[in-house]
Amino acid sequence: MGVGVSNWRLARAVAMAGHLGVISGTGIDTVFVRRLQDGDIGGHLRRAMARFPMPQVAQEALRKYFRPDGRAPGEPYKELPMYRQGAKVEKEHFTMLATFVEVFLAKEGHDRPIGVNLLTKIQLPTLAGLYGAMLAGVDVVLMGAGIPKEVPGALDAFAAHQPASMRLEVEGRNPDDPVRMRLDPKDYWDGPPQELKRPLFFPIIASSSLATMLARKASGRVDGFIIEGPTAGGHNAPPRGDVRLNERGEPIYGHRDVVDLDKVKELGLPFWLAGGAGRPGRLQEALDVGAAGIQVGTLFAYSDESGILPELKVSVLKAVVEGRAEVFTDPVASPTGFPFKVVRWEENPADRVKRERVCDLGYLRTAYQTAEGRLSYRCASEPIPTYLKKGGTLEETEGRKCLCNSLMGTIGIGQSRKNGTIEPPLVTSGDDLVMLTGILAGRSRYGYTAAEAIEYLLGPAPLSSDTPIGVPAAQPSLG
């Protein structure tokens, strides 16, 4: 669930209630160092850092980024250098440390499983993030927004203390001469490395053909699938075939985009249904069609434990109750090229801020080969002249939003800019957002805990069900 929304507090609360809690590993190194600069309120980060098996790395992170009294008003965060192929060991160290800390805190005090969710489109931090999560004993790895074919093999390698490598997608590069990212655990230990367990791997897929390919051709064992429909929040898989837009300007999904569950069942692996699953009765519907369960995001994104700013949660939920909030599937917002869900409501603070285009985090940059044969990076959300100079087109920049910075703003760690503004938020939710009136009915406040969300999910189903899980509610008759 975005950057820092499904944080260690939320994942731990869900796990303590008897279910799989999942942390978001997207941009986790920036989230980590910004929390340190805000004073590490409660001392949780430092408590986990003291358990990191490479103490010199934790000490260096404290020296560089910890501010006991936090930042002065308007003081910008000190940034980590952006990732690039062949990143310095220090950069990988901090990614390992940040992911370790988040998983450690989520697992602290119980023996329930914890997972980590990484975005396949963000390639450069993946190996370090996986290794850091495994150092903390992560139980499950989930990855979507791409084809994570090489991830299972990396998990196998790390569990055996062997080096792992993955192909870096490079635009303009000869596919017969790939660039490969590599991480060798032995480079990070003075003595024998600690024993690691191999976590389960659940790719997030939107087609039975992708499930079949991964089950048969992935570099290692695939343990199950998350089947996510276009009603889910965040990034959605693009429609198959030619992209058509509805009258609102959203991509139209059709019958080809409905996953053939019978074909998935033939693979003999468990699967969970996601997208439109956050309501009573959905779990039983999923079980009835052969699923092992459901994955729920939006319902938990607005729980008390999630990382979204409390005032943002209240503002959105109030608009939901009053019928003034909507979810728009934006076909161009994300520089990844994947459709991205955006919440629209009247009080959205981002609508009152004119944001200057800047790319200083760079997680969604695309690697490309220059005419001189060098490896470089560009993002359709960066300043337009810069993007054009790098060989991009003006058309590719239209409507793009800086997800990296705006999603940091959503969890209260937006960067302070020289013009006195703070990075505005971008709130993403699944189509289920408008159905949160169900859990809010009869409450004296615009909010609820993760435990209450689970109780709601397991409660009695309504007398009639509307749209099946994963099918867009606005398009009950698929074309």
Protein backbone atom coordinates (compact mmCIF):
# COMPACT_ATOMS: atom_id res chain seq x y z
CA MET A 1 0.00 0.00 0.00
CA GLY A 2 2.03 2.85 -1.31
CA VAL A 3 5.00 4.37 0.46
CA GLY A 4 4.84 3.86 4.23
CA VAL A 5 1.05 3.41 4.38
CA SER A 6 1.29 -0.25 5.31
CA ASN A 7 3.93 0.45 7.93
CA TRP A 8 5.23 -1.75 10.74
CA ARG A 9 2.46 -0.67 13.10
CA LEU A 10 -0.29 -1.71 10.70
CA ALA A 11 1.41 -4.94 9.64
CA ARG A 12 1.99 -5.87 13.28
CA ALA A 13 -1.62 -5.10 14.24
CA VAL A 14 -2.95 -7.32 11.43
CA ALA A 15 -0.53 -10.12 12.36
CA MET A 16 -1.46 -9.90 16.04
CA ALA A 17 -5.09 -10.41 14.98
CA GLY A 18 -4.14 -13.69 13.31
CA HIS A 19 -3.57 -12.74 9.68
CA LEU A 20 -0.65 -11.94 7.37
CA GLY A 21 0.56 -8.40 7.95
CA VAL A 22 2.50 -6.88 5.05
CA ILE A 23 4.83 -3.90 5.14
CA SER A 24 5.51 -1.72 2.12
CA GLY A 25 9.16 -1.79 1.07
CA THR A 26 8.76 0.93 -1.56
CA GLY A 27 11.07 3.89 -0.90
CA ILE A 28 11.78 2.47 2.54
CA ASP A 29 15.31 3.91 2.77
CA THR A 30 14.02 7.47 2.36
CA VAL A 31 11.16 6.84 4.79
CA PHE A 32 13.70 5.52 7.29
CA VAL A 33 16.19 8.40 7.15
CA ARG A 34 13.40 11.00 7.27
CA ARG A 35 11.95 9.38 10.38
CA LEU A 36 15.42 9.57 11.94
CA GLN A 37 15.64 13.27 11.07
CA ASP A 38 12.26 13.84 12.71
CA GLY A 39 13.69 12.53 15.97
CA ASP A 40 12.63 8.86 15.94
CA ILE A 41 9.72 9.56 18.26
CA GLY A 42 9.35 6.68 20.70
CA GLY A 43 12.82 5.33 19.89
CA HIS A 44 11.45 2.43 17.84
CA LEU A 45 13.89 2.78 14.95
CA ARG A 46 16.89 2.89 17.26
CA ARG A 47 15.63 -0.14 19.19
CA ALA A 48 15.48 -2.13 15.96
CA MET A 49 18.77 -0.72 14.69
CA ALA A 50 20.49 -2.07 17.78
CA ARG A 51 19.56 -5.57 16.56
CA PHE A 52 20.88 -5.11 13.01
CA PRO A 53 23.68 -7.66 12.54
CA MET A 54 26.01 -5.07 10.98
CA PRO A 55 26.39 -2.59 13.88
CA GLN A 56 28.75 -0.28 12.01
CA VAL A 57 26.02 0.37 9.43
CA ALA A 58 23.51 1.35 12.11
CA GLN A 59 26.08 3.61 13.76
CA GLU A 60 26.79 5.37 10.46
CA ALA A 61 23.07 5.90 9.82
CA LEU A 62 22.66 7.48 13.26
CA ARG A 63 25.70 9.70 12.75
CA LYS A 64 24.50 10.98 9.38
CA TYR A 65 20.74 11.27 9.83
CA PHE A 66 19.54 11.10 13.43
CA ARG A 67 18.37 14.43 14.84
CA PRO A 68 17.39 13.99 18.52
CA ASP A 69 15.33 17.18 18.52
CA GLY A 70 13.99 16.78 14.99
CA ARG A 71 14.22 19.40 12.25
CA ALA A 72 13.60 23.10 12.59
CA PRO A 73 10.35 24.35 10.98
CA GLY A 74 10.80 24.54 7.21
CA GLU A 75 14.18 22.83 7.31
CA PRO A 76 14.49 20.39 4.38
CA TYR A 77 15.30 16.75 4.89
CA LYS A 78 18.82 15.63 4.10
CA GLU A 79 18.46 13.27 1.15
CA LEU A 80 20.08 9.98 0.35
CA PRO A 81 21.86 9.85 -3.01
CA MET A 82 19.64 8.46 -5.77
CA TYR A 83 20.08 4.85 -6.80
CA ARG A 84 22.03 3.98 -9.92
CA GLN A 85 23.60 0.81 -11.29
CA GLY A 86 26.77 0.04 -9.36
CA ALA A 87 25.53 1.99 -6.31
CA LYS A 88 27.95 2.54 -3.49
CA VAL A 89 27.95 -0.11 -0.79
CA GLU A 90 26.72 2.53 1.68
CA LYS A 91 23.55 3.01 -0.35
CA GLU A 92 22.82 -0.72 -0.30
CA HIS A 93 23.68 -0.82 3.41
CA PHE A 94 21.02 1.77 4.22
CA THR A 95 18.40 -0.04 2.12
CA MET A 96 19.19 -3.29 3.96
CA LEU A 97 19.05 -1.51 7.31
CA ALA A 98 15.79 0.30 6.56
CA THR A 99 14.02 -2.86 5.39
CA PHE A 100 15.40 -4.83 8.32
CA VAL A 101 14.10 -2.23 10.79
CA GLU A 102 10.59 -2.21 9.33
CA VAL A 103 10.30 -6.00 9.27
CA PHE A 104 11.87 -6.36 12.73
CA LEU A 105 9.38 -3.95 14.29
CA ALA A 106 6.45 -5.62 12.53
CA LYS A 107 7.53 -9.04 13.86
CA GLU A 108 8.42 -7.87 17.35
CA GLY A 109 6.57 -9.55 20.22
CA HIS A 110 4.70 -12.30 18.33
CA ASP A 111 5.28 -15.32 16.11
CA ARG A 112 2.78 -14.55 13.35
CA PRO A 113 4.01 -14.20 9.73
CA ILE A 114 4.99 -10.84 8.23
CA GLY A 115 5.41 -10.08 4.55
CA VAL A 116 7.08 -7.35 2.54
CA ASN A 117 5.69 -5.89 -0.68
CA LEU A 118 8.10 -4.51 -3.29
CA LEU A 119 7.32 -2.84 -6.60
CA THR A 120 8.85 -4.74 -9.52
CA LYS A 121 9.13 -1.53 -11.55
CA ILE A 122 11.59 -0.18 -8.96
CA GLN A 123 14.51 -2.46 -9.77
CA LEU A 124 17.69 -0.95 -8.40
CA PRO A 125 16.97 -1.33 -4.63
CA THR A 126 15.36 -4.77 -4.96
CA LEU A 127 18.28 -7.04 -4.10
CA ALA A 128 19.35 -5.00 -1.07
CA GLY A 129 15.74 -4.71 0.09
CA LEU A 130 15.18 -8.45 -0.19
CA TYR A 131 18.36 -9.23 1.71
CA GLY A 132 17.56 -6.75 4.48
CA ALA A 133 14.07 -8.21 4.88
CA MET A 134 15.52 -11.73 5.06
CA LEU A 135 17.99 -10.62 7.74
CA ALA A 136 14.94 -9.71 9.84
CA GLY A 137 13.25 -13.05 9.16
CA VAL A 138 10.56 -11.94 6.73
CA ASP A 139 8.10 -14.75 6.01
CA VAL A 140 6.60 -13.75 2.64
CA VAL A 141 7.70 -11.58 -0.30
CA LEU A 142 5.02 -10.10 -2.56
CA MET A 143 5.81 -8.26 -5.79
CA GLY A 144 3.61 -6.73 -8.49
CA ALA A 145 3.64 -3.97 -11.13
CA GLY A 146 5.84 -5.96 -13.46
CA ILE A 147 7.12 -9.49 -14.05
CA PRO A 148 9.32 -10.54 -11.09
CA LYS A 149 10.66 -13.61 -12.87
CA GLU A 150 14.13 -13.52 -11.30
CA VAL A 151 13.14 -12.82 -7.71
CA PRO A 152 12.58 -16.44 -6.58
CA GLY A 153 16.11 -17.34 -7.64
CA ALA A 154 17.50 -14.38 -5.68
CA LEU A 155 15.67 -15.58 -2.56
CA ASP A 156 17.10 -19.06 -3.04
CA ALA A 157 20.60 -17.66 -3.46
CA PHE A 158 20.48 -15.41 -0.40
CA ALA A 159 19.17 -18.24 1.78
CA ALA A 160 22.24 -20.23 0.73
CA HIS A 161 24.59 -17.22 1.23
CA GLN A 162 25.25 -17.11 -2.50
CA PRO A 163 25.40 -14.04 -4.76
CA ALA A 164 22.23 -13.11 -6.63
CA SER A 165 21.78 -11.11 -9.78
CA MET A 166 18.86 -9.66 -11.71
CA ARG A 167 18.53 -8.14 -15.13
CA LEU A 168 18.11 -4.36 -15.24
CA GLU A 169 15.67 -3.21 -17.89
CA VAL A 170 17.48 -0.64 -20.04
CA GLU A 171 15.70 1.18 -22.87
CA GLY A 172 17.72 1.13 -26.07
CA ARG A 173 20.00 -1.67 -24.87
CA ASN A 174 20.67 -4.74 -27.00
CA PRO A 175 18.76 -7.54 -25.21
CA ASP A 176 21.62 -9.92 -26.03
CA ASP A 177 23.92 -7.72 -23.93
CA PRO A 178 21.97 -7.22 -20.70
CA VAL A 179 23.01 -5.14 -17.71
CA ARG A 180 22.82 -7.15 -14.51
CA MET A 181 22.50 -6.01 -10.92
CA ARG A 182 24.42 -8.13 -8.41
CA LEU A 183 24.64 -8.51 -4.65
CA ASP A 184 26.94 -10.96 -2.87
CA PRO A 185 26.14 -11.45 0.84
CA LYS A 186 29.79 -12.27 1.54
CA ASP A 187 30.72 -8.68 0.67
CA TYR A 188 28.88 -7.49 3.78
CA TRP A 189 30.28 -9.82 6.44
CA ASP A 190 33.66 -9.99 8.15
CA GLY A 191 32.95 -13.54 9.29
CA PRO A 192 30.40 -16.24 8.43
CA PRO A 193 26.99 -14.74 7.58
CA GLN A 194 23.99 -15.52 9.77
CA GLU A 195 21.59 -18.31 8.90
CA LEU A 196 18.63 -17.15 6.79
CA LYS A 197 15.33 -18.79 5.96
CA ARG A 198 13.92 -18.58 2.46
CA PRO A 199 10.62 -16.66 2.54
CA LEU A 200 7.59 -17.68 0.50
CA PHE A 201 7.19 -15.80 -2.78
CA PHE A 202 3.78 -14.58 -3.99
CA PRO A 203 3.87 -12.56 -7.23
CA ILE A 204 0.91 -10.23 -7.79
CA ILE A 205 -0.58 -11.04 -11.18
CA ALA A 206 -3.46 -9.86 -13.37
CA SER A 207 -3.62 -12.67 -15.93
CA SER A 208 -3.59 -16.46 -15.93
CA SER A 209 -0.92 -16.42 -18.65
CA LEU A 210 1.47 -14.53 -16.35
CA ALA A 211 0.74 -16.99 -13.55
CA THR A 212 1.53 -19.90 -15.85
CA MET A 213 4.76 -18.32 -17.09
CA LEU A 214 5.98 -17.57 -13.56
CA ALA A 215 5.05 -20.99 -12.23
CA ARG A 216 6.95 -22.72 -15.05
CA LYS A 217 9.79 -20.37 -15.96
CA ALA A 218 10.67 -18.31 -12.87
CA SER A 219 14.24 -18.63 -11.63
CA GLY A 220 13.11 -20.41 -8.46
CA ARG A 221 10.08 -21.63 -6.56
CA VAL A 222 6.83 -19.68 -6.72
CA ASP A 223 4.64 -20.46 -3.70
CA GLY A 224 1.33 -18.87 -4.68
CA PHE A 225 -0.28 -15.87 -6.37
CA ILE A 226 -2.09 -12.69 -5.47
CA ILE A 227 -4.65 -12.17 -8.24
CA GLU A 228 -5.35 -8.45 -8.38
CA GLY A 229 -8.12 -6.91 -10.44
CA PRO A 230 -8.30 -3.33 -11.77
CA THR A 231 -10.46 -2.24 -8.81
CA ALA A 232 -7.40 -2.38 -6.52
CA GLY A 233 -5.64 0.80 -5.41
CA GLY A 234 -2.22 2.04 -6.46
CA HIS A 235 -0.89 0.75 -9.76
CA ASN A 236 -3.17 -1.36 -11.95
CA ALA A 237 -2.10 -3.58 -14.82
CA PRO A 238 -2.97 -1.88 -18.13
CA PRO A 239 -5.94 -3.29 -20.07
CA ARG A 240 -5.01 -6.02 -22.52
CA GLY A 241 -5.14 -4.97 -26.15
CA ASP A 242 -5.77 -1.43 -27.38
CA VAL A 243 -6.39 1.02 -24.55
CA ARG A 244 -9.76 2.77 -24.71
CA LEU A 245 -10.94 5.44 -22.28
CA ASN A 246 -14.42 5.92 -20.85
CA GLU A 247 -16.21 9.27 -20.64
CA ARG A 248 -14.26 10.08 -17.44
CA GLY A 249 -10.93 9.48 -19.17
CA GLU A 250 -10.25 6.15 -17.43
CA PRO A 251 -8.98 2.95 -19.09
CA ILE A 252 -11.76 0.53 -20.00
CA TYR A 253 -11.22 -3.05 -18.89
CA GLY A 254 -12.95 -5.95 -20.63
CA HIS A 255 -13.43 -9.68 -20.51
CA ARG A 256 -9.79 -10.26 -21.48
CA ASP A 257 -8.77 -8.60 -18.21
CA VAL A 258 -10.71 -11.04 -16.03
CA VAL A 259 -8.34 -13.74 -14.77
CA ASP A 260 -9.30 -17.30 -15.70
CA LEU A 261 -9.30 -18.87 -12.25
CA ASP A 262 -9.68 -22.39 -13.63
CA LYS A 263 -6.35 -22.04 -15.43
CA VAL A 264 -4.72 -20.72 -12.26
CA LYS A 265 -6.12 -23.67 -10.29
CA GLU A 266 -4.49 -26.06 -12.76
CA LEU A 267 -1.10 -24.84 -11.56
CA GLY A 268 -1.76 -26.40 -8.16
CA LEU A 269 -0.66 -23.34 -6.18
CA PRO A 270 -2.72 -21.36 -3.65
CA PHE A 271 -4.02 -17.96 -4.67
CA TRP A 272 -5.63 -14.97 -2.99
CA LEU A 273 -8.05 -12.52 -4.60
CA ALA A 274 -7.47 -8.77 -4.36
CA GLY A 275 -9.33 -5.70 -5.59
CA GLY A 276 -12.83 -5.12 -4.27
CA ALA A 277 -12.28 -7.58 -1.43
CA GLY A 278 -12.64 -5.21 1.51
CA ARG A 279 -16.26 -5.95 2.46
CA PRO A 280 -18.10 -8.54 4.53
CA GLY A 281 -18.85 -11.66 2.52
CA ARG A 282 -15.94 -11.25 0.12
CA LEU A 283 -13.80 -13.80 1.95
CA GLN A 284 -16.46 -16.49 1.61
CA GLU A 285 -16.94 -15.61 -2.08
CA ALA A 286 -13.21 -16.09 -2.62
CA LEU A 287 -13.17 -19.40 -0.78
CA ASP A 288 -16.16 -20.57 -2.82
CA VAL A 289 -14.22 -20.13 -6.08
CA GLY A 290 -11.18 -21.96 -4.77
CA ALA A 291 -9.04 -19.14 -3.40
CA ALA A 292 -7.07 -19.49 -0.18
CA GLY A 293 -8.29 -16.08 0.98
CA ILE A 294 -8.28 -12.40 0.12
CA GLN A 295 -5.86 -9.49 0.16
CA VAL A 296 -7.31 -6.21 1.41
CA GLY A 297 -5.70 -2.79 1.08
CA THR A 298 -8.05 0.20 1.06
CA LEU A 299 -9.95 -0.78 4.21
CA PHE A 300 -6.69 -0.98 6.18
CA ALA A 301 -5.20 2.13 4.57
CA TYR A 302 -7.73 4.22 6.53
CA SER A 303 -7.32 2.37 9.82
CA ASP A 304 -5.76 4.13 12.79
CA GLU A 305 -2.48 2.24 12.46
CA SER A 306 -1.75 3.08 8.82
CA GLY A 307 0.85 5.66 7.86
CA ILE A 308 -1.49 8.13 6.12
CA LEU A 309 -1.58 11.46 7.96
CA PRO A 310 -4.47 11.32 10.47
CA GLU A 311 -5.95 14.59 9.21
CA LEU A 312 -5.90 13.25 5.63
CA LYS A 313 -7.73 10.09 6.70
CA VAL A 314 -10.43 12.07 8.46
CA SER A 315 -10.81 14.45 5.52
CA VAL A 316 -11.23 11.62 3.00
CA LEU A 317 -13.52 9.54 5.22
CA LYS A 318 -15.75 12.52 5.93
CA ALA A 319 -16.05 13.10 2.17
CA VAL A 320 -16.83 9.40 1.66
CA VAL A 321 -19.65 9.48 4.21
CA GLU A 322 -21.05 12.63 2.62
CA GLY A 323 -20.82 11.15 -0.88
CA ARG A 324 -18.22 13.67 -2.08
CA ALA A 325 -15.21 11.39 -2.71
CA GLU A 326 -14.42 9.44 -5.83
CA VAL A 327 -11.62 7.24 -7.13
CA PHE A 328 -10.22 8.04 -10.57
CA THR A 329 -8.10 5.57 -12.52
CA ASP A 330 -5.57 7.96 -14.02
CA PRO A 331 -4.00 6.51 -17.18
CA VAL A 332 -1.01 8.87 -17.19
CA ALA A 333 -0.27 9.95 -13.59
CA SER A 334 2.43 7.34 -12.98
CA PRO A 335 5.71 7.64 -14.88
CA THR A 336 5.74 3.83 -14.99
CA GLY A 337 3.04 3.89 -17.70
CA PHE A 338 0.73 1.80 -15.51
CA PRO A 339 -2.72 3.22 -14.65
CA PHE A 340 -2.78 4.64 -11.12
CA LYS A 341 -5.73 5.15 -8.79
CA VAL A 342 -6.14 8.69 -7.40
CA VAL A 343 -8.65 9.87 -4.78
CA ARG A 344 -10.53 13.05 -5.64
CA TRP A 345 -12.33 15.10 -3.02
CA GLU A 346 -13.02 18.79 -2.49
CA GLU A 347 -10.67 19.35 0.46
CA ASN A 348 -7.64 17.72 -1.18
CA PRO A 349 -4.68 19.86 -0.01
CA ALA A 350 -2.77 19.05 -3.19
CA ASP A 351 -5.30 21.07 -5.18
CA ARG A 352 -4.15 24.23 -3.39
CA VAL A 353 -0.44 23.85 -4.15
CA LYS A 354 1.23 24.42 -7.51
CA ARG A 355 4.08 21.94 -7.47
CA GLU A 356 7.38 22.60 -9.23
CA ARG A 357 8.58 19.61 -11.23
CA VAL A 358 11.60 18.14 -9.49
CA CYS A 359 13.12 14.66 -9.42
CA ASP A 360 15.28 14.23 -6.33
CA LEU A 361 14.24 10.76 -5.14
CA GLY A 362 14.28 8.93 -8.46
CA TYR A 363 12.75 5.59 -7.57
CA LEU A 364 10.63 5.48 -10.73
CA ARG A 365 13.33 6.62 -13.12
CA THR A 366 13.85 4.50 -16.22
CA ALA A 367 17.32 3.34 -17.16
CA TYR A 368 18.28 3.99 -20.78
CA GLN A 369 21.35 3.74 -22.97
CA THR A 370 22.64 6.98 -24.41
CA ALA A 371 23.82 7.42 -27.98
CA GLU A 372 27.38 7.17 -26.62
CA GLY A 373 26.59 3.78 -25.06
CA ARG A 374 26.49 5.01 -21.46
CA LEU A 375 23.83 4.05 -18.90
CA SER A 376 21.71 6.97 -17.73
CA TYR A 377 18.31 7.62 -16.13
CA ARG A 378 15.21 9.71 -16.89
CA CYS A 379 11.69 10.13 -15.54
CA ALA A 380 8.65 11.52 -17.33
CA SER A 381 7.79 13.44 -14.14
CA GLU A 382 11.12 15.30 -13.94
CA PRO A 383 11.55 18.86 -15.29
CA ILE A 384 10.44 18.80 -18.92
CA PRO A 385 13.59 20.38 -20.46
CA THR A 386 15.71 17.83 -18.61
CA TYR A 387 13.59 14.96 -19.83
CA LEU A 388 13.64 16.17 -23.42
CA LYS A 389 17.41 16.59 -23.28
CA LYS A 390 17.65 12.93 -22.28
CA GLY A 391 15.74 11.83 -25.37
CA GLY A 392 12.22 11.72 -23.94
CA THR A 393 9.23 13.18 -25.74
CA LEU A 394 6.92 15.99 -24.69
CA GLU A 395 3.90 13.70 -25.02
CA GLU A 396 5.35 11.36 -22.40
CA THR A 397 5.43 14.17 -19.81
CA GLU A 398 1.78 15.20 -20.12
CA GLY A 399 -0.26 14.54 -16.99
CA ARG A 400 2.59 12.88 -15.11
CA LYS A 401 2.81 13.24 -11.34
CA CYS A 402 5.83 12.76 -9.10
CA LEU A 403 4.63 9.74 -7.15
CA CYS A 404 7.90 9.46 -5.22
CA ASN A 405 7.60 12.87 -3.58
CA SER A 406 3.82 13.10 -3.30
CA LEU A 407 3.46 9.70 -1.63
CA MET A 408 6.02 10.83 0.96
CA GLY A 409 3.74 13.80 1.58
CA THR A 410 0.80 11.47 2.15
CA ILE A 411 2.51 9.96 5.20
CA GLY A 412 3.68 13.29 6.63
CA ILE A 413 7.33 13.35 5.51
CA GLY A 414 7.03 15.52 2.41
CA GLN A 415 10.10 17.56 1.53
CA SER A 416 10.24 21.26 2.46
CA ARG A 417 10.98 23.31 -0.65
CA LYS A 418 12.89 26.56 -1.06
CA ASN A 419 9.68 28.45 -1.94
CA GLY A 420 8.26 27.66 1.50
CA THR A 421 5.91 24.89 0.40
CA ILE A 422 5.86 21.29 1.54
CA GLU A 423 5.39 18.49 -0.99
CA PRO A 424 1.63 17.98 -1.33
CA PRO A 425 0.15 14.50 -0.83
CA LEU A 426 -1.35 12.12 -3.34
CA VAL A 427 -3.88 9.68 -1.90
CA THR A 428 -4.49 6.40 -3.70
CA SER A 429 -7.28 3.96 -2.90
CA GLY A 430 -9.13 1.13 -4.55
CA ASP A 431 -12.67 1.43 -5.83
CA ASP A 432 -13.78 0.05 -2.46
CA LEU A 433 -13.20 3.50 -0.94
CA VAL A 434 -16.83 4.52 -1.42
CA MET A 435 -17.89 1.34 0.40
CA LEU A 436 -16.19 2.39 3.64
CA THR A 437 -19.54 3.84 4.64
CA GLY A 438 -20.28 0.29 5.78
CA ILE A 439 -17.65 0.17 8.50
CA LEU A 440 -18.20 3.82 9.44
CA ALA A 441 -21.96 3.44 9.96
CA GLY A 442 -22.94 4.16 13.54
CA ARG A 443 -19.47 5.28 14.63
CA SER A 444 -18.89 8.46 16.57
CA ARG A 445 -15.69 9.28 14.65
CA TYR A 446 -14.22 9.03 11.18
CA GLY A 447 -11.94 6.13 11.94
CA TYR A 448 -11.43 2.60 13.20
CA THR A 449 -8.63 0.24 14.23
CA ALA A 450 -7.13 -2.57 12.17
CA ALA A 451 -8.70 -5.07 14.58
CA GLU A 452 -12.11 -3.49 14.00
CA ALA A 453 -11.52 -3.70 10.24
CA ILE A 454 -10.86 -7.44 10.54
CA GLU A 455 -13.96 -7.90 12.68
CA TYR A 456 -15.95 -6.05 10.02
CA LEU A 457 -14.53 -8.22 7.21
CA LEU A 458 -15.43 -11.41 9.08
CA GLY A 459 -18.91 -10.17 9.94
CA PRO A 460 -22.18 -11.11 8.25
CA ALA A 461 -22.41 -10.45 4.54
CA PRO A 462 -25.09 -8.15 3.13
CA LEU A 463 -28.25 -9.81 1.81
CA SER A 464 -27.20 -9.20 -1.80
CA SER A 465 -23.78 -9.01 -3.40
CA ASP A 466 -23.04 -6.70 -6.31
CA THR A 467 -19.85 -6.90 -8.33
CA PRO A 468 -17.53 -9.92 -8.10
CA ILE A 469 -14.09 -9.41 -6.58
CA GLY A 470 -11.71 -7.71 -8.99
CA VAL A 471 -14.38 -6.44 -11.40
CA PRO A 472 -14.72 -2.64 -11.75
CA ALA A 473 -17.89 -1.54 -9.94
CA ALA A 474 -18.51 1.15 -12.55
CA GLN A 475 -18.47 -1.47 -15.32
CA PRO A 476 -20.63 -4.39 -14.13
CA SER A 477 -21.13 -5.43 -17.76
CA LEU A 478 -17.67 -5.83 -19.19
CA GLY A 479 -17.15 -5.02 -22.81
